[in-house]
Amino acid sequence: AYSGITMRTWFHPRGQVDLAMLRQMHAPDLGPFFVRTAAISVECTH
């Protein structure tokens, strides 16, 4: 609503970092075709 950004998510029952999933999900800058992943957010404690 305020920043105009989008989110994608991975799932972990304990809210943990899933490095393998993040490597698959992370989207580089591919020009005017795909949304770029600018940041990864973690919550501690979850």
All heavy atoms as atom14 arrays in JSON, in Angstrom:
{
  "sequence": "AYSGITMRTWFHPRGQVDLAMLRQMHAPDLGPFFVRTAAISVECTH",
  "atom14_mask": [
    [1, 1, 1, 1, 1, 0, 0, 0, 0, 0, 0, 0, 0, 0],
    [1, 1, 1, 1, 1, 1, 1, 1, 1, 1, 1, 1, 0, 0],
    [1, 1, 1, 1, 1, 1, 0, 0, 0, 0, 0, 0, 0, 0],
    [1, 1, 1, 1, 0, 0, 0, 0, 0, 0, 0, 0, 0, 0],
    [1, 1, 1, 1, 1, 1, 1, 1, 0, 0, 0, 0, 0, 0],
    [1, 1, 1, 1, 1, 1, 1, 0, 0, 0, 0, 0, 0, 0],
    [1, 1, 1, 1, 1, 1, 1, 1, 0, 0, 0, 0, 0, 0],
    [1, 1, 1, 1, 1, 1, 1, 1, 1, 1, 1, 0, 0, 0],
    [1, 1, 1, 1, 1, 1, 1, 0, 0, 0, 0, 0, 0, 0],
    [1, 1, 1, 1, 1, 1, 1, 1, 1, 1, 1, 1, 1, 1],
    [1, 1, 1, 1, 1, 1, 1, 1, 1, 1, 1, 0, 0, 0],
    [1, 1, 1, 1, 1, 1, 1, 1, 1, 1, 0, 0, 0, 0],
    [1, 1, 1, 1, 1, 1, 1, 0, 0, 0, 0, 0, 0, 0],
    [1, 1, 1, 1, 1, 1, 1, 1, 1, 1, 1, 0, 0, 0],
    [1, 1, 1, 1, 0, 0, 0, 0, 0, 0, 0, 0, 0, 0],
    [1, 1, 1, 1, 1, 1, 1, 1, 1, 0, 0, 0, 0, 0],
    [1, 1, 1, 1, 1, 1, 1, 0, 0, 0, 0, 0, 0, 0],
    [1, 1, 1, 1, 1, 1, 1, 1, 0, 0, 0, 0, 0, 0],
    [1, 1, 1, 1, 1, 1, 1, 1, 0, 0, 0, 0, 0, 0],
    [1, 1, 1, 1, 1, 0, 0, 0, 0, 0, 0, 0, 0, 0],
    [1, 1, 1, 1, 1, 1, 1, 1, 0, 0, 0, 0, 0, 0],
    [1, 1, 1, 1, 1, 1, 1, 1, 0, 0, 0, 0, 0, 0],
    [1, 1, 1, 1, 1, 1, 1, 1, 1, 1, 1, 0, 0, 0],
    [1, 1, 1, 1, 1, 1, 1, 1, 1, 0, 0, 0, 0, 0],
    [1, 1, 1, 1, 1, 1, 1, 1, 0, 0, 0, 0, 0, 0],
    [1, 1, 1, 1, 1, 1, 1, 1, 1, 1, 0, 0, 0, 0],
    [1, 1, 1, 1, 1, 0, 0, 0, 0, 0, 0, 0, 0, 0],
    [1, 1, 1, 1, 1, 1, 1, 0, 0, 0, 0, 0, 0, 0],
    [1, 1, 1, 1, 1, 1, 1, 1, 0, 0, 0, 0, 0, 0],
    [1, 1, 1, 1, 1, 1, 1, 1, 0, 0, 0, 0, 0, 0],
    [1, 1, 1, 1, 0, 0, 0, 0, 0, 0, 0, 0, 0, 0],
    [1, 1, 1, 1, 1, 1, 1, 0, 0, 0, 0, 0, 0, 0],
    [1, 1, 1, 1, 1, 1, 1, 1, 1, 1, 1, 0, 0, 0],
    [1, 1, 1, 1, 1, 1, 1, 1, 1, 1, 1, 0, 0, 0],
    [1, 1, 1, 1, 1, 1, 1, 0, 0, 0, 0, 0, 0, 0],
    [1, 1, 1, 1, 1, 1, 1, 1, 1, 1, 1, 0, 0, 0],
    [1, 1, 1, 1, 1, 1, 1, 0, 0, 0, 0, 0, 0, 0],
    [1, 1, 1, 1, 1, 0, 0, 0, 0, 0, 0, 0, 0, 0],
    [1, 1, 1, 1, 1, 0, 0, 0, 0, 0, 0, 0, 0, 0],
    [1, 1, 1, 1, 1, 1, 1, 1, 0, 0, 0, 0, 0, 0],
    [1, 1, 1, 1, 1, 1, 0, 0, 0, 0, 0, 0, 0, 0],
    [1, 1, 1, 1, 1, 1, 1, 0, 0, 0, 0, 0, 0, 0],
    [1, 1, 1, 1, 1, 1, 1, 1, 1, 0, 0, 0, 0, 0],
    [1, 1, 1, 1, 1, 1, 0, 0, 0, 0, 0, 0, 0, 0],
    [1, 1, 1, 1, 1, 1, 1, 0, 0, 0, 0, 0, 0, 0],
    [1, 1, 1, 1, 1, 1, 1, 1, 1, 1, 0, 0, 0, 0]
  ],
  "atom14_positions": [
    [[0.81, -1.21, 0.0], [0.0, 0.0, 0.0], [0.85, 1.27, 0.0], [0.53, 2.24, -0.69], [-0.93, 0.0, 1.21], [0.0, 0.0, 0.0], [0.0, 0.0, 0.0], [0.0, 0.0, 0.0], [0.0, 0.0, 0.0], [0.0, 0.0, 0.0], [0.0, 0.0, 0.0], [0.0, 0.0, 0.0], [0.0, 0.0, 0.0], [0.0, 0.0, 0.0]],
    [[1.94, 1.27, 0.78], [2.74, 2.49, 0.92], [3.96, 2.51, 0.0], [4.4, 3.57, -0.44], [3.22, 2.65, 2.36], [2.14, 3.05, 3.32], [1.71, 2.17, 4.3], [1.55, 4.31, 3.25], [0.7, 2.54, 5.2], [0.55, 4.68, 4.13], [0.13, 3.79, 5.1], [-0.86, 4.15, 5.97], [0.0, 0.0, 0.0], [0.0, 0.0, 0.0]],
    [[4.55, 1.34, -0.26], [5.83, 1.3, -0.96], [5.74, 0.72, -2.36], [6.71, 0.77, -3.11], [6.85, 0.5, -0.14], [6.98, 1.05, 1.16], [0.0, 0.0, 0.0], [0.0, 0.0, 0.0], [0.0, 0.0, 0.0], [0.0, 0.0, 0.0], [0.0, 0.0, 0.0], [0.0, 0.0, 0.0], [0.0, 0.0, 0.0], [0.0, 0.0, 0.0]],
    [[4.6, 0.1, -2.7], [4.43, -0.42, -4.05], [5.33, -1.6, -4.37], [5.73, -1.8, -5.53], [0.0, 0.0, 0.0], [0.0, 0.0, 0.0], [0.0, 0.0, 0.0], [0.0, 0.0, 0.0], [0.0, 0.0, 0.0], [0.0, 0.0, 0.0], [0.0, 0.0, 0.0], [0.0, 0.0, 0.0], [0.0, 0.0, 0.0], [0.0, 0.0, 0.0]],
    [[5.66, -2.42, -3.36], [6.54, -3.55, -3.59], [5.74, -4.85, -3.58], [4.6, -4.9, -3.11], [7.66, -3.61, -2.54], [7.11, -3.96, -1.16], [8.42, -2.3, -2.5], [8.19, -4.16, -0.11], [0.0, 0.0, 0.0], [0.0, 0.0, 0.0], [0.0, 0.0, 0.0], [0.0, 0.0, 0.0], [0.0, 0.0, 0.0], [0.0, 0.0, 0.0]],
    [[6.33, -5.9, -4.12], [5.7, -7.21, -4.13], [6.47, -8.16, -3.22], [7.61, -7.88, -2.83], [5.62, -7.79, -5.55], [6.96, -8.02, -6.04], [4.9, -6.84, -6.49], [0.0, 0.0, 0.0], [0.0, 0.0, 0.0], [0.0, 0.0, 0.0], [0.0, 0.0, 0.0], [0.0, 0.0, 0.0], [0.0, 0.0, 0.0], [0.0, 0.0, 0.0]],
    [[5.84, -9.29, -2.9], [6.46, -10.3, -2.05], [6.28, -11.67, -2.66], [5.26, -11.96, -3.28], [5.82, -10.32, -0.65], [6.11, -9.15, 0.22], [5.4, -9.41, 1.88], [5.76, -7.82, 2.61], [0.0, 0.0, 0.0], [0.0, 0.0, 0.0], [0.0, 0.0, 0.0], [0.0, 0.0, 0.0], [0.0, 0.0, 0.0], [0.0, 0.0, 0.0]],
    [[7.29, -12.52, -2.46], [7.13, -13.96, -2.63], [7.63, -14.63, -1.36], [8.44, -14.05, -0.62], [7.9, -14.47, -3.85], [7.17, -14.22, -5.17], [7.86, -14.92, -6.33], [9.22, -14.43, -6.5], [10.26, -15.21, -6.8], [10.11, -16.53, -6.92], [11.46, -14.68, -6.98], [0.0, 0.0, 0.0], [0.0, 0.0, 0.0], [0.0, 0.0, 0.0]],
    [[7.18, -15.84, -1.12], [7.47, -16.47, 0.16], [7.92, -17.92, -0.01], [7.55, -18.6, -0.97], [6.24, -16.46, 1.08], [5.17, -17.22, 0.48], [5.76, -15.04, 1.34], [0.0, 0.0, 0.0], [0.0, 0.0, 0.0], [0.0, 0.0, 0.0], [0.0, 0.0, 0.0], [0.0, 0.0, 0.0], [0.0, 0.0, 0.0], [0.0, 0.0, 0.0]],
    [[8.73, -18.37, 0.95], [9.0, -19.8, 1.12], [8.32, -20.23, 2.41], [7.97, -19.39, 3.24], [10.51, -20.08, 1.16], [11.19, -19.71, 2.44], [11.39, -20.49, 3.55], [11.82, -18.45, 2.75], [12.09, -19.81, 4.53], [12.36, -18.56, 4.06], [11.99, -17.24, 2.05], [13.04, -17.51, 4.69], [12.66, -16.2, 2.68], [13.17, -16.33, 3.97]],
    [[8.13, -21.51, 2.6], [7.47, -22.01, 3.81], [8.42, -22.88, 4.62], [9.11, -23.75, 4.07], [6.23, -22.83, 3.47], [5.65, -23.53, 4.68], [4.94, -22.81, 5.63], [5.85, -24.88, 4.88], [4.43, -23.43, 6.77], [5.35, -25.53, 6.01], [4.63, -24.8, 6.94], [0.0, 0.0, 0.0], [0.0, 0.0, 0.0], [0.0, 0.0, 0.0]],
    [[8.43, -22.62, 5.91], [9.14, -23.5, 6.85], [8.33, -23.53, 8.13], [7.96, -22.47, 8.66], [10.55, -22.97, 7.14], [11.41, -23.96, 7.87], [11.23, -24.28, 9.21], [12.46, -24.73, 7.45], [12.13, -25.17, 9.58], [12.89, -25.47, 8.52], [0.0, 0.0, 0.0], [0.0, 0.0, 0.0], [0.0, 0.0, 0.0], [0.0, 0.0, 0.0]],
    [[8.01, -24.71, 8.67], [7.14, -24.79, 9.85], [7.71, -24.08, 11.07], [6.95, -23.7, 11.97], [6.99, -26.29, 10.09], [8.14, -26.92, 9.37], [8.4, -26.05, 8.19], [0.0, 0.0, 0.0], [0.0, 0.0, 0.0], [0.0, 0.0, 0.0], [0.0, 0.0, 0.0], [0.0, 0.0, 0.0], [0.0, 0.0, 0.0], [0.0, 0.0, 0.0]],
    [[9.01, -23.89, 11.11], [9.63, -23.18, 12.22], [10.15, -21.81, 11.8], [10.92, -21.18, 12.52], [10.78, -24.03, 12.8], [10.34, -25.3, 13.48], [9.89, -25.04, 14.91], [11.02, -24.64, 15.75], [10.87, -24.07, 16.96], [9.67, -23.82, 17.42], [11.93, -23.75, 17.68], [0.0, 0.0, 0.0], [0.0, 0.0, 0.0], [0.0, 0.0, 0.0]],
    [[9.73, -21.34, 10.63], [10.11, -20.01, 10.19], [11.58, -19.83, 9.87], [12.07, -18.7, 9.81], [0.0, 0.0, 0.0], [0.0, 0.0, 0.0], [0.0, 0.0, 0.0], [0.0, 0.0, 0.0], [0.0, 0.0, 0.0], [0.0, 0.0, 0.0], [0.0, 0.0, 0.0], [0.0, 0.0, 0.0], [0.0, 0.0, 0.0], [0.0, 0.0, 0.0]],
    [[12.27, -20.93, 9.62], [13.72, -20.88, 9.46], [14.14, -20.48, 8.04], [13.35, -20.49, 7.09], [14.32, -22.25, 9.8], [14.05, -22.7, 11.23], [14.72, -21.82, 12.26], [15.94, -21.62, 12.23], [13.94, -21.3, 13.2], [0.0, 0.0, 0.0], [0.0, 0.0, 0.0], [0.0, 0.0, 0.0], [0.0, 0.0, 0.0], [0.0, 0.0, 0.0]],
    [[15.42, -20.15, 7.92], [16.02, -19.85, 6.63], [16.18, -21.16, 5.85], [16.68, -22.15, 6.39], [17.4, -19.19, 6.82], [18.11, -19.04, 5.48], [17.26, -17.85, 7.52], [0.0, 0.0, 0.0], [0.0, 0.0, 0.0], [0.0, 0.0, 0.0], [0.0, 0.0, 0.0], [0.0, 0.0, 0.0], [0.0, 0.0, 0.0], [0.0, 0.0, 0.0]],
    [[15.74, -21.17, 4.61], [15.89, -22.33, 3.73], [16.76, -21.9, 2.56], [16.28, -21.37, 1.56], [14.51, -22.8, 3.25], [14.58, -24.11, 2.46], [15.63, -24.37, 1.85], [13.57, -24.83, 2.44], [0.0, 0.0, 0.0], [0.0, 0.0, 0.0], [0.0, 0.0, 0.0], [0.0, 0.0, 0.0], [0.0, 0.0, 0.0], [0.0, 0.0, 0.0]],
    [[18.07, -22.11, 2.7], [19.02, -21.6, 1.71], [18.79, -22.22, 0.33], [18.9, -21.53, -0.69], [20.44, -21.85, 2.18], [20.91, -21.01, 3.37], [22.29, -21.46, 3.82], [20.92, -19.53, 3.03], [0.0, 0.0, 0.0], [0.0, 0.0, 0.0], [0.0, 0.0, 0.0], [0.0, 0.0, 0.0], [0.0, 0.0, 0.0], [0.0, 0.0, 0.0]],
    [[18.49, -23.53, 0.3], [18.27, -24.17, -0.98], [17.07, -23.55, -1.71], [17.13, -23.28, -2.91], [18.05, -25.67, -0.78], [0.0, 0.0, 0.0], [0.0, 0.0, 0.0], [0.0, 0.0, 0.0], [0.0, 0.0, 0.0], [0.0, 0.0, 0.0], [0.0, 0.0, 0.0], [0.0, 0.0, 0.0], [0.0, 0.0, 0.0], [0.0, 0.0, 0.0]],
    [[16.0, -23.31, -0.97], [14.82, -22.69, -1.57], [15.12, -21.26, -2.0], [14.68, -20.81, -3.07], [13.67, -22.71, -0.57], [12.37, -22.1, -1.1], [11.76, -22.93, -2.59], [11.28, -24.52, -1.87], [0.0, 0.0, 0.0], [0.0, 0.0, 0.0], [0.0, 0.0, 0.0], [0.0, 0.0, 0.0], [0.0, 0.0, 0.0], [0.0, 0.0, 0.0]],
    [[15.88, -20.53, -1.2], [16.21, -19.15, -1.54], [17.03, -19.07, -2.83], [16.84, -18.16, -3.64], [16.96, -18.49, -0.39], [16.09, -18.06, 0.79], [16.95, -17.68, 1.98], [15.19, -16.9, 0.39], [0.0, 0.0, 0.0], [0.0, 0.0, 0.0], [0.0, 0.0, 0.0], [0.0, 0.0, 0.0], [0.0, 0.0, 0.0], [0.0, 0.0, 0.0]],
    [[17.93, -20.03, -3.0], [18.72, -20.03, -4.24], [17.82, -20.24, -5.46], [18.06, -19.67, -6.52], [19.79, -21.13, -4.17], [20.91, -20.83, -3.16], [22.05, -21.82, -3.29], [23.06, -21.56, -2.29], [23.15, -22.2, -1.13], [22.26, -23.16, -0.84], [24.08, -21.89, -0.25], [0.0, 0.0, 0.0], [0.0, 0.0, 0.0], [0.0, 0.0, 0.0]],
    [[16.78, -21.06, -5.29], [15.85, -21.29, -6.39], [14.96, -20.07, -6.64], [14.65, -19.74, -7.78], [14.97, -22.5, -6.1], [15.69, -23.83, -6.07], [14.74, -24.98, -5.78], [13.57, -24.94, -6.15], [15.24, -26.0, -5.11], [0.0, 0.0, 0.0], [0.0, 0.0, 0.0], [0.0, 0.0, 0.0], [0.0, 0.0, 0.0], [0.0, 0.0, 0.0]],
    [[14.55, -19.42, -5.56], [13.58, -18.33, -5.66], [14.2, -17.02, -6.12], [13.54, -16.22, -6.79], [12.9, -18.09, -4.31], [11.98, -19.18, -3.85], [11.3, -18.78, -2.22], [10.37, -17.28, -2.58], [0.0, 0.0, 0.0], [0.0, 0.0, 0.0], [0.0, 0.0, 0.0], [0.0, 0.0, 0.0], [0.0, 0.0, 0.0], [0.0, 0.0, 0.0]],
    [[15.45, -16.78, -5.74], [16.03, -15.46, -5.96], [16.04, -15.11, -7.44], [16.54, -15.86, -8.28], [17.45, -15.4, -5.4], [18.01, -14.01, -5.37], [18.54, -13.4, -6.49], [18.09, -13.11, -4.37], [18.93, -12.18, -6.17], [18.67, -11.99, -4.9], [0.0, 0.0, 0.0], [0.0, 0.0, 0.0], [0.0, 0.0, 0.0], [0.0, 0.0, 0.0]],
    [[15.48, -13.96, -7.78], [15.38, -13.53, -9.18], [16.36, -12.38, -9.44], [16.22, -11.31, -8.85], [13.95, -13.07, -9.48], [0.0, 0.0, 0.0], [0.0, 0.0, 0.0], [0.0, 0.0, 0.0], [0.0, 0.0, 0.0], [0.0, 0.0, 0.0], [0.0, 0.0, 0.0], [0.0, 0.0, 0.0], [0.0, 0.0, 0.0], [0.0, 0.0, 0.0]],
    [[17.33, -12.58, -10.31], [18.26, -11.5, -10.64], [17.59, -10.48, -11.55], [16.46, -10.66, -12.0], [19.39, -12.24, -11.37], [18.69, -13.41, -12.0], [17.61, -13.83, -11.04], [0.0, 0.0, 0.0], [0.0, 0.0, 0.0], [0.0, 0.0, 0.0], [0.0, 0.0, 0.0], [0.0, 0.0, 0.0], [0.0, 0.0, 0.0], [0.0, 0.0, 0.0]],
    [[18.3, -9.42, -11.84], [17.8, -8.41, -12.76], [17.93, -8.94, -14.19], [19.02, -9.08, -14.73], [18.61, -7.12, -12.59], [18.04, -5.96, -13.4], [17.07, -6.21, -14.17], [18.53, -4.85, -13.26], [0.0, 0.0, 0.0], [0.0, 0.0, 0.0], [0.0, 0.0, 0.0], [0.0, 0.0, 0.0], [0.0, 0.0, 0.0], [0.0, 0.0, 0.0]],
    [[16.78, -9.24, -14.81], [16.76, -9.78, -16.17], [16.15, -8.79, -17.16], [15.58, -9.18, -18.18], [15.99, -11.11, -16.19], [16.61, -12.23, -15.36], [15.7, -13.46, -15.37], [18.0, -12.59, -15.89], [0.0, 0.0, 0.0], [0.0, 0.0, 0.0], [0.0, 0.0, 0.0], [0.0, 0.0, 0.0], [0.0, 0.0, 0.0], [0.0, 0.0, 0.0]],
    [[16.25, -7.52, -16.81], [15.73, -6.51, -17.71], [14.22, -6.36, -17.58], [13.63, -6.75, -16.57], [0.0, 0.0, 0.0], [0.0, 0.0, 0.0], [0.0, 0.0, 0.0], [0.0, 0.0, 0.0], [0.0, 0.0, 0.0], [0.0, 0.0, 0.0], [0.0, 0.0, 0.0], [0.0, 0.0, 0.0], [0.0, 0.0, 0.0], [0.0, 0.0, 0.0]],
    [[13.57, -5.82, -18.59], [12.15, -5.47, -18.48], [11.21, -6.66, -18.71], [10.29, -6.6, -19.52], [11.97, -4.42, -19.57], [12.95, -4.84, -20.62], [14.14, -5.37, -19.88], [0.0, 0.0, 0.0], [0.0, 0.0, 0.0], [0.0, 0.0, 0.0], [0.0, 0.0, 0.0], [0.0, 0.0, 0.0], [0.0, 0.0, 0.0], [0.0, 0.0, 0.0]],
    [[11.49, -7.76, -17.99], [10.66, -8.95, -18.16], [10.18, -9.53, -16.83], [9.05, -9.99, -16.73], [11.44, -10.03, -18.93], [11.89, -9.6, -20.29], [13.2, -9.21, -20.51], [10.99, -9.56, -21.35], [13.62, -8.81, -21.76], [11.4, -9.15, -22.61], [12.71, -8.77, -22.82], [0.0, 0.0, 0.0], [0.0, 0.0, 0.0], [0.0, 0.0, 0.0]],
    [[11.05, -9.53, -15.81], [10.73, -10.19, -14.56], [10.98, -9.25, -13.38], [11.82, -8.35, -13.44], [11.58, -11.45, -14.38], [11.38, -12.47, -15.47], [12.29, -12.58, -16.51], [10.27, -13.31, -15.47], [12.12, -13.5, -17.52], [10.08, -14.24, -16.48], [11.0, -14.34, -17.5], [0.0, 0.0, 0.0], [0.0, 0.0, 0.0], [0.0, 0.0, 0.0]],
    [[10.26, -9.5, -12.3], [10.46, -8.75, -11.06], [11.8, -9.15, -10.45], [12.11, -10.34, -10.34], [9.32, -9.04, -10.07], [9.59, -8.35, -8.73], [7.98, -8.6, -10.64], [0.0, 0.0, 0.0], [0.0, 0.0, 0.0], [0.0, 0.0, 0.0], [0.0, 0.0, 0.0], [0.0, 0.0, 0.0], [0.0, 0.0, 0.0], [0.0, 0.0, 0.0]],
    [[12.57, -8.17, -10.04], [13.88, -8.45, -9.44], [13.76, -8.57, -7.93], [13.06, -7.8, -7.28], [14.87, -7.33, -9.77], [16.28, -7.59, -9.22], [17.26, -6.53, -9.66], [17.27, -5.35, -8.82], [17.94, -5.25, -7.66], [18.61, -6.27, -7.18], [17.92, -4.12, -6.99], [0.0, 0.0, 0.0], [0.0, 0.0, 0.0], [0.0, 0.0, 0.0]],
    [[14.47, -9.55, -7.36], [14.54, -9.68, -5.91], [15.54, -8.67, -5.38], [16.75, -8.78, -5.61], [14.99, -11.1, -5.5], [14.09, -12.06, -6.05], [15.02, -11.22, -3.99], [0.0, 0.0, 0.0], [0.0, 0.0, 0.0], [0.0, 0.0, 0.0], [0.0, 0.0, 0.0], [0.0, 0.0, 0.0], [0.0, 0.0, 0.0], [0.0, 0.0, 0.0]],
    [[15.04, -7.67, -4.67], [15.92, -6.64, -4.12], [16.37, -6.95, -2.7], [17.42, -6.48, -2.27], [15.21, -5.29, -4.15], [0.0, 0.0, 0.0], [0.0, 0.0, 0.0], [0.0, 0.0, 0.0], [0.0, 0.0, 0.0], [0.0, 0.0, 0.0], [0.0, 0.0, 0.0], [0.0, 0.0, 0.0], [0.0, 0.0, 0.0], [0.0, 0.0, 0.0]],
    [[15.56, -7.72, -1.96], [15.91, -7.99, -0.57], [15.31, -9.31, -0.1], [14.29, -9.77, -0.62], [15.43, -6.86, 0.34], [0.0, 0.0, 0.0], [0.0, 0.0, 0.0], [0.0, 0.0, 0.0], [0.0, 0.0, 0.0], [0.0, 0.0, 0.0], [0.0, 0.0, 0.0], [0.0, 0.0, 0.0], [0.0, 0.0, 0.0], [0.0, 0.0, 0.0]],
    [[15.97, -9.9, 0.88], [15.47, -11.07, 1.59], [15.2, -10.64, 3.02], [16.04, -9.97, 3.65], [16.49, -12.22, 1.56], [16.83, -12.6, 0.11], [15.97, -13.43, 2.33], [18.04, -13.52, -0.02], [0.0, 0.0, 0.0], [0.0, 0.0, 0.0], [0.0, 0.0, 0.0], [0.0, 0.0, 0.0], [0.0, 0.0, 0.0], [0.0, 0.0, 0.0]],
    [[14.03, -11.0, 3.52], [13.66, -10.6, 4.89], [13.57, -11.83, 5.78], [13.02, -12.87, 5.38], [12.31, -9.87, 4.88], [11.9, -9.57, 6.2], [0.0, 0.0, 0.0], [0.0, 0.0, 0.0], [0.0, 0.0, 0.0], [0.0, 0.0, 0.0], [0.0, 0.0, 0.0], [0.0, 0.0, 0.0], [0.0, 0.0, 0.0], [0.0, 0.0, 0.0]],
    [[14.09, -11.71, 6.98], [13.99, -12.77, 7.99], [13.46, -12.18, 9.28], [13.6, -10.97, 9.54], [15.35, -13.46, 8.24], [15.74, -14.33, 7.06], [16.45, -12.43, 8.54], [0.0, 0.0, 0.0], [0.0, 0.0, 0.0], [0.0, 0.0, 0.0], [0.0, 0.0, 0.0], [0.0, 0.0, 0.0], [0.0, 0.0, 0.0], [0.0, 0.0, 0.0]],
    [[12.86, -13.02, 10.09], [12.26, -12.58, 11.35], [12.83, -13.4, 12.5], [12.75, -14.63, 12.49], [10.74, -12.77, 11.29], [10.0, -12.27, 12.51], [8.49, -12.43, 12.36], [7.99, -12.52, 11.21], [7.8, -12.46, 13.4], [0.0, 0.0, 0.0], [0.0, 0.0, 0.0], [0.0, 0.0, 0.0], [0.0, 0.0, 0.0], [0.0, 0.0, 0.0]],
    [[13.43, -12.73, 13.47], [14.07, -13.41, 14.59], [13.86, -12.59, 15.87], [14.3, -11.44, 15.95], [15.57, -13.57, 14.32], [16.45, -14.56, 15.55], [0.0, 0.0, 0.0], [0.0, 0.0, 0.0], [0.0, 0.0, 0.0], [0.0, 0.0, 0.0], [0.0, 0.0, 0.0], [0.0, 0.0, 0.0], [0.0, 0.0, 0.0], [0.0, 0.0, 0.0]],
    [[13.14, -13.17, 16.83], [12.52, -14.49, 16.78], [11.29, -14.44, 15.88], [10.75, -13.37, 15.62], [12.1, -14.97, 18.17], [11.04, -14.13, 18.68], [13.25, -14.87, 19.16], [0.0, 0.0, 0.0], [0.0, 0.0, 0.0], [0.0, 0.0, 0.0], [0.0, 0.0, 0.0], [0.0, 0.0, 0.0], [0.0, 0.0, 0.0], [0.0, 0.0, 0.0]],
    [[10.85, -15.65, 15.45], [9.75, -15.72, 14.51], [8.44, -15.89, 15.27], [8.2, -16.92, 15.91], [9.97, -16.89, 13.55], [9.12, -16.82, 12.32], [7.74, -16.9, 12.38], [9.44, -16.67, 11.0], [7.26, -16.83, 11.14], [8.27, -16.68, 10.3], [0.0, 0.0, 0.0], [0.0, 0.0, 0.0], [0.0, 0.0, 0.0], [0.0, 0.0, 0.0]]
  ]
}
